[in-house]
Amino acid sequence: YLWTMDFHGGPANCDIPIIYDAGGALHAEIDGICDFYGLCKDRLKVIKADHWKEFDPSEKQKSDFELAYRNDPEFKRVDAFLCHHPVANCELFLPFNRSIIVHATTRIEFGRHDAGIDWRLGSGYEKKTGQKKWKKWVKTLQDLATDKRNIIAANNAYDQ
C-alpha cells in the first residue's frame, strides 16, 4: 500500500498503472494541480496547497505533520511513501519508519534551494537558508539511498 501527497497530479497519475499492474495500491492525497487527473483530495492534515508554501514546510509544520499522522489508521497501513513533486517533502515521512520511494520528476532541489522560481521571488527567500536546507536534503537523500528498503529514481540524467 503506497501513499503520496504530491502537489501535482501528473507524476502519480503516470505511476498508477504500473503500481496496479504489480498488484499494489496507491492512495494519493493530491492537493494542487490535480483536477485534470481526477486525483484531487482535500483531506491533508497540517500541510495544504497554499501559494506554494507547501513546497517548503517549516520545521513546525513537519513536527505538526508527524503528530497529526502518528496514530492515523491509514498511515498504519502504509508499506511505502512515494514522493514526486517535490521529492524533498519525503522529509515529512522520515519519522514513520517505512520504505520511501523518491521519484524525482523535476529538479531534486525543488522546494529547498530554488531562488529563481517565480513563486520564490516574492516570498522573502533567503539564499543562505536555502543553501542549508539544500545541504540537509542532499544528506537525507544520501542516507535514504543507503537503506535497501528505499528506492531513489529519476526520470532524467540531471537528477540521477
Foldseek 3Di string as FASTA:
>chain_A
DEEEEAQAQPVVLVCQVVQVVVVHDYQYDHAHHPPVSPNHDDPQPQAHDDLCCSLADDPVSLVVNCVVCVPPPVLVVHQEYEDEHQLLCCSSVVVVPHEYEREYADANLGSQQCCPDPSNVPVPDDNVRSVVSSVVSVVVVVVSVVDPSYHYHYPDPVRD
